[in-house]
All heavy atoms as atom14 arrays in JSON, in Angstrom:
{
  "sequence": "SVVNALSSYMDIEIRRDGEIHHDHYAMGKPTEKLVNGLLPVIGKTKET",
  "atom14_mask": [
    [1, 1, 1, 1, 1, 1, 0, 0, 0, 0, 0, 0, 0, 0],
    [1, 1, 1, 1, 1, 1, 1, 0, 0, 0, 0, 0, 0, 0],
    [1, 1, 1, 1, 1, 1, 1, 0, 0, 0, 0, 0, 0, 0],
    [1, 1, 1, 1, 1, 1, 1, 1, 0, 0, 0, 0, 0, 0],
    [1, 1, 1, 1, 1, 0, 0, 0, 0, 0, 0, 0, 0, 0],
    [1, 1, 1, 1, 1, 1, 1, 1, 0, 0, 0, 0, 0, 0],
    [1, 1, 1, 1, 1, 1, 0, 0, 0, 0, 0, 0, 0, 0],
    [1, 1, 1, 1, 1, 1, 0, 0, 0, 0, 0, 0, 0, 0],
    [1, 1, 1, 1, 1, 1, 1, 1, 1, 1, 1, 1, 0, 0],
    [1, 1, 1, 1, 1, 1, 1, 1, 0, 0, 0, 0, 0, 0],
    [1, 1, 1, 1, 1, 1, 1, 1, 0, 0, 0, 0, 0, 0],
    [1, 1, 1, 1, 1, 1, 1, 1, 0, 0, 0, 0, 0, 0],
    [1, 1, 1, 1, 1, 1, 1, 1, 1, 0, 0, 0, 0, 0],
    [1, 1, 1, 1, 1, 1, 1, 1, 0, 0, 0, 0, 0, 0],
    [1, 1, 1, 1, 1, 1, 1, 1, 1, 1, 1, 0, 0, 0],
    [1, 1, 1, 1, 1, 1, 1, 1, 1, 1, 1, 0, 0, 0],
    [1, 1, 1, 1, 1, 1, 1, 1, 0, 0, 0, 0, 0, 0],
    [1, 1, 1, 1, 0, 0, 0, 0, 0, 0, 0, 0, 0, 0],
    [1, 1, 1, 1, 1, 1, 1, 1, 1, 0, 0, 0, 0, 0],
    [1, 1, 1, 1, 1, 1, 1, 1, 0, 0, 0, 0, 0, 0],
    [1, 1, 1, 1, 1, 1, 1, 1, 1, 1, 0, 0, 0, 0],
    [1, 1, 1, 1, 1, 1, 1, 1, 1, 1, 0, 0, 0, 0],
    [1, 1, 1, 1, 1, 1, 1, 1, 0, 0, 0, 0, 0, 0],
    [1, 1, 1, 1, 1, 1, 1, 1, 1, 1, 0, 0, 0, 0],
    [1, 1, 1, 1, 1, 1, 1, 1, 1, 1, 1, 1, 0, 0],
    [1, 1, 1, 1, 1, 0, 0, 0, 0, 0, 0, 0, 0, 0],
    [1, 1, 1, 1, 1, 1, 1, 1, 0, 0, 0, 0, 0, 0],
    [1, 1, 1, 1, 0, 0, 0, 0, 0, 0, 0, 0, 0, 0],
    [1, 1, 1, 1, 1, 1, 1, 1, 1, 0, 0, 0, 0, 0],
    [1, 1, 1, 1, 1, 1, 1, 0, 0, 0, 0, 0, 0, 0],
    [1, 1, 1, 1, 1, 1, 1, 0, 0, 0, 0, 0, 0, 0],
    [1, 1, 1, 1, 1, 1, 1, 1, 1, 0, 0, 0, 0, 0],
    [1, 1, 1, 1, 1, 1, 1, 1, 1, 0, 0, 0, 0, 0],
    [1, 1, 1, 1, 1, 1, 1, 1, 0, 0, 0, 0, 0, 0],
    [1, 1, 1, 1, 1, 1, 1, 0, 0, 0, 0, 0, 0, 0],
    [1, 1, 1, 1, 1, 1, 1, 1, 0, 0, 0, 0, 0, 0],
    [1, 1, 1, 1, 0, 0, 0, 0, 0, 0, 0, 0, 0, 0],
    [1, 1, 1, 1, 1, 1, 1, 1, 0, 0, 0, 0, 0, 0],
    [1, 1, 1, 1, 1, 1, 1, 1, 0, 0, 0, 0, 0, 0],
    [1, 1, 1, 1, 1, 1, 1, 0, 0, 0, 0, 0, 0, 0],
    [1, 1, 1, 1, 1, 1, 1, 0, 0, 0, 0, 0, 0, 0],
    [1, 1, 1, 1, 1, 1, 1, 1, 0, 0, 0, 0, 0, 0],
    [1, 1, 1, 1, 0, 0, 0, 0, 0, 0, 0, 0, 0, 0],
    [1, 1, 1, 1, 1, 1, 1, 1, 1, 0, 0, 0, 0, 0],
    [1, 1, 1, 1, 1, 1, 1, 0, 0, 0, 0, 0, 0, 0],
    [1, 1, 1, 1, 1, 1, 1, 1, 1, 0, 0, 0, 0, 0],
    [1, 1, 1, 1, 1, 1, 1, 1, 1, 0, 0, 0, 0, 0],
    [1, 1, 1, 1, 1, 1, 1, 0, 0, 0, 0, 0, 0, 0]
  ],
  "atom14_positions": [
    [[-2.42, 12.66, -1.09], [-2.28, 13.36, -2.34], [-1.36, 14.5, -2.33], [-0.62, 14.76, -3.3], [-3.68, 13.8, -2.8], [-4.28, 14.64, -1.78], [0.0, 0.0, 0.0], [0.0, 0.0, 0.0], [0.0, 0.0, 0.0], [0.0, 0.0, 0.0], [0.0, 0.0, 0.0], [0.0, 0.0, 0.0], [0.0, 0.0, 0.0], [0.0, 0.0, 0.0]],
    [[-1.21, 15.15, -1.19], [-0.24, 16.28, -1.05], [1.18, 15.71, -1.1], [2.08, 16.27, -1.75], [-0.45, 17.06, 0.26], [0.74, 17.92, 0.6], [-1.7, 17.96, 0.1], [0.0, 0.0, 0.0], [0.0, 0.0, 0.0], [0.0, 0.0, 0.0], [0.0, 0.0, 0.0], [0.0, 0.0, 0.0], [0.0, 0.0, 0.0], [0.0, 0.0, 0.0]],
    [[1.5, 14.63, -0.36], [2.73, 13.97, -0.4], [3.13, 13.59, -1.86], [4.27, 13.81, -2.32], [2.82, 12.77, 0.52], [4.17, 12.09, 0.43], [2.62, 13.2, 1.92], [0.0, 0.0, 0.0], [0.0, 0.0, 0.0], [0.0, 0.0, 0.0], [0.0, 0.0, 0.0], [0.0, 0.0, 0.0], [0.0, 0.0, 0.0], [0.0, 0.0, 0.0]],
    [[2.17, 13.02, -2.54], [2.38, 12.68, -3.91], [2.7, 13.86, -4.8], [3.69, 13.85, -5.6], [1.09, 11.98, -4.44], [1.2, 11.44, -5.8], [2.32, 11.26, -6.37], [0.06, 11.19, -6.44], [0.0, 0.0, 0.0], [0.0, 0.0, 0.0], [0.0, 0.0, 0.0], [0.0, 0.0, 0.0], [0.0, 0.0, 0.0], [0.0, 0.0, 0.0]],
    [[1.99, 14.94, -4.63], [2.16, 16.12, -5.43], [3.55, 16.77, -5.24], [4.14, 17.34, -6.2], [1.09, 17.21, -5.12], [0.0, 0.0, 0.0], [0.0, 0.0, 0.0], [0.0, 0.0, 0.0], [0.0, 0.0, 0.0], [0.0, 0.0, 0.0], [0.0, 0.0, 0.0], [0.0, 0.0, 0.0], [0.0, 0.0, 0.0], [0.0, 0.0, 0.0]],
    [[4.1, 16.6, -4.05], [5.39, 17.21, -3.67], [6.61, 16.23, -3.81], [7.67, 16.51, -3.31], [5.3, 17.79, -2.28], [4.23, 18.79, -2.07], [4.23, 19.35, -0.62], [4.37, 20.02, -3.04], [0.0, 0.0, 0.0], [0.0, 0.0, 0.0], [0.0, 0.0, 0.0], [0.0, 0.0, 0.0], [0.0, 0.0, 0.0], [0.0, 0.0, 0.0]],
    [[6.33, 15.07, -4.46], [7.43, 14.12, -4.64], [7.82, 13.89, -6.1], [7.02, 14.05, -6.97], [6.91, 12.75, -4.08], [6.62, 12.82, -2.67], [0.0, 0.0, 0.0], [0.0, 0.0, 0.0], [0.0, 0.0, 0.0], [0.0, 0.0, 0.0], [0.0, 0.0, 0.0], [0.0, 0.0, 0.0], [0.0, 0.0, 0.0], [0.0, 0.0, 0.0]],
    [[9.12, 13.72, -6.29], [9.6, 13.42, -7.64], [8.9, 12.14, -8.14], [8.61, 12.05, -9.37], [11.13, 13.27, -7.6], [11.73, 14.45, -7.3], [0.0, 0.0, 0.0], [0.0, 0.0, 0.0], [0.0, 0.0, 0.0], [0.0, 0.0, 0.0], [0.0, 0.0, 0.0], [0.0, 0.0, 0.0], [0.0, 0.0, 0.0], [0.0, 0.0, 0.0]],
    [[8.83, 11.14, -7.27], [8.13, 9.97, -7.61], [7.44, 9.41, -6.32], [7.9, 9.61, -5.24], [8.91, 8.91, -8.27], [9.86, 8.11, -7.39], [9.45, 7.06, -6.59], [11.21, 8.43, -7.29], [10.24, 6.38, -5.69], [12.08, 7.77, -6.5], [11.61, 6.7, -5.71], [12.47, 5.98, -4.82], [0.0, 0.0, 0.0], [0.0, 0.0, 0.0]],
    [[6.35, 8.69, -6.55], [5.7, 7.94, -5.47], [5.34, 6.57, -6.0], [4.71, 6.47, -7.04], [4.47, 8.63, -4.95], [3.72, 7.77, -3.84], [2.22, 8.53, -3.16], [3.01, 9.63, -1.91], [0.0, 0.0, 0.0], [0.0, 0.0, 0.0], [0.0, 0.0, 0.0], [0.0, 0.0, 0.0], [0.0, 0.0, 0.0], [0.0, 0.0, 0.0]],
    [[5.73, 5.54, -5.27], [5.46, 4.14, -5.65], [4.56, 3.49, -4.62], [4.88, 3.62, -3.41], [6.77, 3.37, -5.88], [6.51, 2.06, -6.57], [6.42, 2.05, -7.81], [6.43, 1.02, -5.89], [0.0, 0.0, 0.0], [0.0, 0.0, 0.0], [0.0, 0.0, 0.0], [0.0, 0.0, 0.0], [0.0, 0.0, 0.0], [0.0, 0.0, 0.0]],
    [[3.53, 2.79, -5.04], [2.5, 2.28, -4.07], [2.3, 0.81, -4.33], [2.07, 0.33, -5.45], [1.21, 3.02, -4.21], [1.45, 4.54, -3.95], [0.16, 2.5, -3.22], [0.57, 5.41, -4.73], [0.0, 0.0, 0.0], [0.0, 0.0, 0.0], [0.0, 0.0, 0.0], [0.0, 0.0, 0.0], [0.0, 0.0, 0.0], [0.0, 0.0, 0.0]],
    [[2.33, 0.02, -3.23], [1.88, -1.4, -3.31], [0.8, -1.54, -2.26], [1.0, -1.24, -1.1], [3.05, -2.32, -3.06], [4.06, -2.39, -4.12], [5.21, -3.44, -3.86], [4.99, -4.23, -2.92], [6.19, -3.41, -4.55], [0.0, 0.0, 0.0], [0.0, 0.0, 0.0], [0.0, 0.0, 0.0], [0.0, 0.0, 0.0], [0.0, 0.0, 0.0]],
    [[-0.31, -2.13, -2.73], [-1.42, -2.39, -1.85], [-1.74, -3.88, -1.77], [-2.02, -4.52, -2.82], [-2.72, -1.62, -2.3], [-2.38, -0.1, -2.34], [-3.92, -1.86, -1.36], [-3.45, 0.72, -2.99], [0.0, 0.0, 0.0], [0.0, 0.0, 0.0], [0.0, 0.0, 0.0], [0.0, 0.0, 0.0], [0.0, 0.0, 0.0], [0.0, 0.0, 0.0]],
    [[-1.69, -4.49, -0.59], [-1.96, -5.83, -0.37], [-3.43, -6.02, 0.09], [-3.72, -5.56, 1.29], [-0.99, -6.49, 0.58], [0.47, -6.43, 0.11], [1.37, -7.05, 1.11], [1.31, -6.53, 2.43], [2.03, -5.42, 2.84], [2.81, -4.76, 2.0], [1.88, -4.95, 4.07], [0.0, 0.0, 0.0], [0.0, 0.0, 0.0], [0.0, 0.0, 0.0]],
    [[-4.27, -6.52, -0.67], [-5.69, -6.62, -0.33], [-6.4, -7.69, -1.1], [-6.13, -7.84, -2.27], [-6.34, -5.17, -0.57], [-7.75, -5.1, 0.01], [-8.29, -3.68, -0.31], [-9.66, -3.57, 0.02], [-10.13, -3.02, 1.11], [-9.26, -2.56, 2.03], [-11.41, -2.95, 1.39], [0.0, 0.0, 0.0], [0.0, 0.0, 0.0], [0.0, 0.0, 0.0]],
    [[-7.26, -8.45, -0.45], [-8.09, -9.49, -1.12], [-7.22, -10.5, -1.83], [-7.53, -10.97, -2.93], [-9.01, -8.85, -2.14], [-10.03, -7.85, -1.46], [-10.35, -8.11, -0.25], [-10.37, -6.81, -2.01], [0.0, 0.0, 0.0], [0.0, 0.0, 0.0], [0.0, 0.0, 0.0], [0.0, 0.0, 0.0], [0.0, 0.0, 0.0], [0.0, 0.0, 0.0]],
    [[-6.07, -10.82, -1.23], [-5.2, -11.83, -1.82], [-4.29, -11.43, -2.92], [-3.6, -12.25, -3.45], [0.0, 0.0, 0.0], [0.0, 0.0, 0.0], [0.0, 0.0, 0.0], [0.0, 0.0, 0.0], [0.0, 0.0, 0.0], [0.0, 0.0, 0.0], [0.0, 0.0, 0.0], [0.0, 0.0, 0.0], [0.0, 0.0, 0.0], [0.0, 0.0, 0.0]],
    [[-4.33, -10.16, -3.29], [-3.57, -9.65, -4.41], [-2.77, -8.49, -4.07], [-2.98, -7.74, -3.1], [-4.46, -9.34, -5.61], [-5.25, -10.54, -6.16], [-6.2, -10.07, -7.22], [-6.79, -8.98, -7.18], [-6.44, -10.85, -8.18], [0.0, 0.0, 0.0], [0.0, 0.0, 0.0], [0.0, 0.0, 0.0], [0.0, 0.0, 0.0], [0.0, 0.0, 0.0]],
    [[-1.62, -8.24, -4.8], [-0.79, -7.05, -4.62], [-1.02, -6.15, -5.82], [-0.82, -6.48, -6.98], [0.69, -7.47, -4.59], [0.98, -8.46, -3.46], [1.56, -6.2, -4.42], [2.43, -9.03, -3.53], [0.0, 0.0, 0.0], [0.0, 0.0, 0.0], [0.0, 0.0, 0.0], [0.0, 0.0, 0.0], [0.0, 0.0, 0.0], [0.0, 0.0, 0.0]],
    [[-1.57, -4.91, -5.52], [-1.91, -3.96, -6.6], [-0.84, -2.9, -6.54], [-0.28, -2.53, -5.52], [-3.25, -3.34, -6.24], [-4.33, -4.36, -6.05], [-5.23, -4.66, -7.08], [-4.7, -5.11, -5.02], [-6.06, -5.56, -6.67], [-5.77, -5.94, -5.39], [0.0, 0.0, 0.0], [0.0, 0.0, 0.0], [0.0, 0.0, 0.0], [0.0, 0.0, 0.0]],
    [[-0.5, -2.39, -7.73], [0.58, -1.42, -7.89], [0.15, -0.15, -8.56], [-0.69, -0.14, -9.45], [1.66, -2.1, -8.72], [2.92, -1.16, -8.87], [3.14, -0.45, -10.04], [3.92, -0.84, -8.05], [4.28, 0.18, -9.88], [4.77, 0.03, -8.71], [0.0, 0.0, 0.0], [0.0, 0.0, 0.0], [0.0, 0.0, 0.0], [0.0, 0.0, 0.0]],
    [[0.76, 1.01, -8.08], [0.56, 2.3, -8.78], [1.88, 3.13, -8.66], [2.68, 2.83, -7.78], [-0.64, 3.02, -8.11], [-1.32, 3.98, -9.14], [-0.79, 4.16, -10.27], [-2.29, 4.66, -8.72], [0.0, 0.0, 0.0], [0.0, 0.0, 0.0], [0.0, 0.0, 0.0], [0.0, 0.0, 0.0], [0.0, 0.0, 0.0], [0.0, 0.0, 0.0]],
    [[2.04, 4.02, -9.57], [3.26, 4.8, -9.61], [2.92, 6.23, -10.12], [2.1, 6.38, -11.05], [4.32, 4.17, -10.49], [5.68, 4.79, -10.38], [6.59, 4.39, -9.45], [6.25, 5.79, -11.07], [7.68, 5.14, -9.58], [7.48, 5.99, -10.54], [0.0, 0.0, 0.0], [0.0, 0.0, 0.0], [0.0, 0.0, 0.0], [0.0, 0.0, 0.0]],
    [[3.65, 7.24, -9.56], [3.44, 8.6, -9.96], [4.74, 9.32, -10.12], [5.72, 9.0, -9.47], [2.63, 9.43, -8.9], [1.2, 8.82, -8.67], [0.98, 7.72, -7.83], [0.09, 9.38, -9.3], [-0.27, 7.19, -7.62], [-1.16, 8.86, -9.08], [-1.37, 7.77, -8.23], [-2.62, 7.3, -8.03], [0.0, 0.0, 0.0], [0.0, 0.0, 0.0]],
    [[4.77, 10.3, -10.96], [5.94, 11.24, -11.14], [5.41, 12.6, -10.97], [4.58, 13.12, -11.74], [6.54, 11.06, -12.48], [0.0, 0.0, 0.0], [0.0, 0.0, 0.0], [0.0, 0.0, 0.0], [0.0, 0.0, 0.0], [0.0, 0.0, 0.0], [0.0, 0.0, 0.0], [0.0, 0.0, 0.0], [0.0, 0.0, 0.0], [0.0, 0.0, 0.0]],
    [[5.92, 13.3, -9.95], [5.47, 14.72, -9.64], [3.94, 14.89, -9.65], [3.41, 15.8, -10.2], [6.09, 15.72, -10.65], [7.58, 15.88, -10.35], [8.4, 17.13, -11.39], [8.53, 16.17, -12.88], [0.0, 0.0, 0.0], [0.0, 0.0, 0.0], [0.0, 0.0, 0.0], [0.0, 0.0, 0.0], [0.0, 0.0, 0.0], [0.0, 0.0, 0.0]],
    [[3.32, 13.85, -9.02], [1.85, 13.89, -8.83], [1.11, 13.32, -10.03], [-0.16, 13.19, -9.86], [0.0, 0.0, 0.0], [0.0, 0.0, 0.0], [0.0, 0.0, 0.0], [0.0, 0.0, 0.0], [0.0, 0.0, 0.0], [0.0, 0.0, 0.0], [0.0, 0.0, 0.0], [0.0, 0.0, 0.0], [0.0, 0.0, 0.0], [0.0, 0.0, 0.0]],
    [[1.68, 13.04, -11.1], [1.02, 12.58, -12.31], [1.2, 11.03, -12.36], [2.23, 10.5, -12.28], [1.6, 13.21, -13.54], [1.63, 14.69, -13.58], [0.26, 15.35, -13.54], [0.36, 16.87, -13.61], [-0.93, 17.56, -13.6], [0.0, 0.0, 0.0], [0.0, 0.0, 0.0], [0.0, 0.0, 0.0], [0.0, 0.0, 0.0], [0.0, 0.0, 0.0]],
    [[0.04, 10.32, -12.61], [0.13, 8.89, -12.68], [0.92, 8.4, -13.9], [0.7, 8.96, -15.01], [-1.34, 8.43, -12.7], [-2.1, 9.61, -13.24], [-1.37, 10.8, -12.73], [0.0, 0.0, 0.0], [0.0, 0.0, 0.0], [0.0, 0.0, 0.0], [0.0, 0.0, 0.0], [0.0, 0.0, 0.0], [0.0, 0.0, 0.0], [0.0, 0.0, 0.0]],
    [[1.72, 7.4, -13.72], [2.49, 6.79, -14.87], [2.13, 5.36, -15.14], [2.44, 4.79, -16.12], [3.98, 6.91, -14.64], [4.3, 6.17, -13.44], [4.41, 8.33, -14.46], [0.0, 0.0, 0.0], [0.0, 0.0, 0.0], [0.0, 0.0, 0.0], [0.0, 0.0, 0.0], [0.0, 0.0, 0.0], [0.0, 0.0, 0.0], [0.0, 0.0, 0.0]],
    [[1.38, 4.8, -14.15], [0.93, 3.36, -14.22], [-0.39, 3.38, -15.02], [-1.31, 4.08, -14.67], [0.74, 2.77, -12.83], [0.46, 1.24, -12.84], [1.66, 0.49, -13.18], [2.5, 0.13, -12.3], [1.78, 0.1, -14.36], [0.0, 0.0, 0.0], [0.0, 0.0, 0.0], [0.0, 0.0, 0.0], [0.0, 0.0, 0.0], [0.0, 0.0, 0.0]],
    [[-0.48, 2.51, -16.04], [-1.72, 2.4, -16.8], [-2.68, 1.55, -16.09], [-2.35, 0.47, -15.55], [-1.41, 1.79, -18.19], [-0.64, 2.73, -19.13], [-0.47, 2.15, -20.44], [0.25, 3.09, -21.4], [0.41, 2.54, -22.79], [0.0, 0.0, 0.0], [0.0, 0.0, 0.0], [0.0, 0.0, 0.0], [0.0, 0.0, 0.0], [0.0, 0.0, 0.0]],
    [[-3.93, 2.01, -16.01], [-5.01, 1.23, -15.32], [-5.48, 0.12, -16.31], [-5.42, 0.24, -17.51], [-6.11, 2.19, -14.95], [-5.76, 3.28, -13.96], [-7.05, 4.14, -13.7], [-5.23, 2.76, -12.69], [0.0, 0.0, 0.0], [0.0, 0.0, 0.0], [0.0, 0.0, 0.0], [0.0, 0.0, 0.0], [0.0, 0.0, 0.0], [0.0, 0.0, 0.0]],
    [[-6.01, -0.9, -15.7], [-6.61, -1.98, -16.45], [-8.13, -1.95, -16.23], [-8.59, -2.28, -15.11], [-6.03, -3.34, -15.98], [-6.64, -4.49, -16.82], [-4.49, -3.36, -16.12], [0.0, 0.0, 0.0], [0.0, 0.0, 0.0], [0.0, 0.0, 0.0], [0.0, 0.0, 0.0], [0.0, 0.0, 0.0], [0.0, 0.0, 0.0], [0.0, 0.0, 0.0]],
    [[-8.84, -1.49, -17.2], [-10.26, -1.32, -17.06], [-10.65, -0.49, -15.85], [-11.55, -0.72, -15.09], [-10.97, -2.72, -16.94], [-10.81, -3.55, -18.13], [-10.9, -3.05, -19.3], [-10.61, -4.84, -17.96], [0.0, 0.0, 0.0], [0.0, 0.0, 0.0], [0.0, 0.0, 0.0], [0.0, 0.0, 0.0], [0.0, 0.0, 0.0], [0.0, 0.0, 0.0]],
    [[-9.84, 0.55, -15.65], [-10.04, 1.53, -14.55], [-9.5, 1.09, -13.24], [-9.6, 1.85, -12.27], [0.0, 0.0, 0.0], [0.0, 0.0, 0.0], [0.0, 0.0, 0.0], [0.0, 0.0, 0.0], [0.0, 0.0, 0.0], [0.0, 0.0, 0.0], [0.0, 0.0, 0.0], [0.0, 0.0, 0.0], [0.0, 0.0, 0.0], [0.0, 0.0, 0.0]],
    [[-8.89, -0.07, -13.13], [-8.35, -0.61, -11.86], [-6.8, -0.7, -11.92], [-6.18, -0.79, -13.03], [-8.93, -2.04, -11.6], [-10.45, -2.06, -11.49], [-10.94, -3.49, -11.22], [-10.93, -1.1, -10.29], [0.0, 0.0, 0.0], [0.0, 0.0, 0.0], [0.0, 0.0, 0.0], [0.0, 0.0, 0.0], [0.0, 0.0, 0.0], [0.0, 0.0, 0.0]],
    [[-6.2, -0.71, -10.76], [-4.7, -0.87, -10.7], [-4.32, -2.23, -11.1], [-5.01, -3.22, -10.87], [-4.24, -0.59, -9.19], [-4.59, 0.74, -8.57], [-3.91, 0.79, -7.21], [-4.0, 1.87, -9.45], [0.0, 0.0, 0.0], [0.0, 0.0, 0.0], [0.0, 0.0, 0.0], [0.0, 0.0, 0.0], [0.0, 0.0, 0.0], [0.0, 0.0, 0.0]],
    [[-3.15, -2.34, -11.82], [-2.68, -3.65, -12.19], [-2.3, -4.45, -10.98], [-1.88, -3.95, -10.02], [-1.5, -3.33, -13.1], [-1.05, -1.96, -12.68], [-2.27, -1.18, -12.26], [0.0, 0.0, 0.0], [0.0, 0.0, 0.0], [0.0, 0.0, 0.0], [0.0, 0.0, 0.0], [0.0, 0.0, 0.0], [0.0, 0.0, 0.0], [0.0, 0.0, 0.0]],
    [[-2.48, -5.82, -11.15], [-2.08, -6.73, -10.1], [-0.73, -7.33, -10.46], [-0.52, -7.82, -11.58], [-3.1, -7.91, -10.0], [-2.7, -8.95, -8.92], [-4.45, -7.32, -9.59], [0.0, 0.0, 0.0], [0.0, 0.0, 0.0], [0.0, 0.0, 0.0], [0.0, 0.0, 0.0], [0.0, 0.0, 0.0], [0.0, 0.0, 0.0], [0.0, 0.0, 0.0]],
    [[0.22, -7.25, -9.48], [1.6, -7.64, -9.75], [1.98, -8.91, -8.99], [3.14, -9.38, -9.02], [2.63, -6.56, -9.47], [2.57, -6.14, -7.96], [2.38, -5.31, -10.36], [3.69, -5.2, -7.61], [0.0, 0.0, 0.0], [0.0, 0.0, 0.0], [0.0, 0.0, 0.0], [0.0, 0.0, 0.0], [0.0, 0.0, 0.0], [0.0, 0.0, 0.0]],
    [[1.06, -9.52, -8.2], [1.32, -10.69, -7.45], [0.23, -11.11, -6.52], [-0.79, -10.46, -6.42], [0.0, 0.0, 0.0], [0.0, 0.0, 0.0], [0.0, 0.0, 0.0], [0.0, 0.0, 0.0], [0.0, 0.0, 0.0], [0.0, 0.0, 0.0], [0.0, 0.0, 0.0], [0.0, 0.0, 0.0], [0.0, 0.0, 0.0], [0.0, 0.0, 0.0]],
    [[0.43, -12.28, -5.93], [-0.47, -12.83, -4.99], [0.07, -12.75, -3.56], [1.31, -12.81, -3.41], [-0.85, -14.27, -5.27], [-1.42, -14.47, -6.66], [-2.84, -13.92, -6.85], [-3.42, -14.23, -8.16], [-4.78, -13.64, -8.29], [0.0, 0.0, 0.0], [0.0, 0.0, 0.0], [0.0, 0.0, 0.0], [0.0, 0.0, 0.0], [0.0, 0.0, 0.0]],
    [[-0.8, -12.69, -2.54], [-0.28, -12.62, -1.13], [-1.45, -13.02, -0.23], [-2.63, -12.88, -0.5], [0.18, -11.21, -0.77], [0.7, -11.23, 0.56], [-0.89, -10.19, -0.88], [0.0, 0.0, 0.0], [0.0, 0.0, 0.0], [0.0, 0.0, 0.0], [0.0, 0.0, 0.0], [0.0, 0.0, 0.0], [0.0, 0.0, 0.0], [0.0, 0.0, 0.0]],
    [[-1.09, -13.47, 0.98], [-2.03, -13.75, 2.0], [-2.13, -12.64, 2.99], [-2.94, -12.57, 3.88], [-1.75, -15.07, 2.76], [-1.85, -16.31, 1.92], [-1.52, -17.53, 2.67], [-1.61, -18.83, 1.81], [-1.33, -20.08, 2.55], [0.0, 0.0, 0.0], [0.0, 0.0, 0.0], [0.0, 0.0, 0.0], [0.0, 0.0, 0.0], [0.0, 0.0, 0.0]],
    [[-1.18, -11.65, 2.84], [-1.08, -10.5, 3.79], [-1.93, -9.32, 3.31], [-2.4, -9.3, 2.18], [0.41, -10.05, 3.96], [1.21, -11.15, 4.52], [2.71, -10.69, 4.55], [3.06, -9.67, 3.9], [3.54, -11.43, 5.23], [0.0, 0.0, 0.0], [0.0, 0.0, 0.0], [0.0, 0.0, 0.0], [0.0, 0.0, 0.0], [0.0, 0.0, 0.0]],
    [[-2.16, -8.38, 4.23], [-2.84, -7.15, 3.86], [-1.98, -5.93, 4.34], [-1.11, -6.15, 5.22], [-4.2, -7.08, 4.53], [-4.05, -7.04, 5.98], [-5.15, -8.15, 4.14], [0.0, 0.0, 0.0], [0.0, 0.0, 0.0], [0.0, 0.0, 0.0], [0.0, 0.0, 0.0], [0.0, 0.0, 0.0], [0.0, 0.0, 0.0], [0.0, 0.0, 0.0]]
  ]
}
């Protein structure tokens, strides 16, 4: 969270449970809209 707060932007991809989840921030503030409170899924994967 500190790295996020001190960055112009932070982009996150999380590979978990067969899906790729995405989040994005600008100066610590989220810019990615949640879907029913969860991160949007942008793809499928077998990796973690």
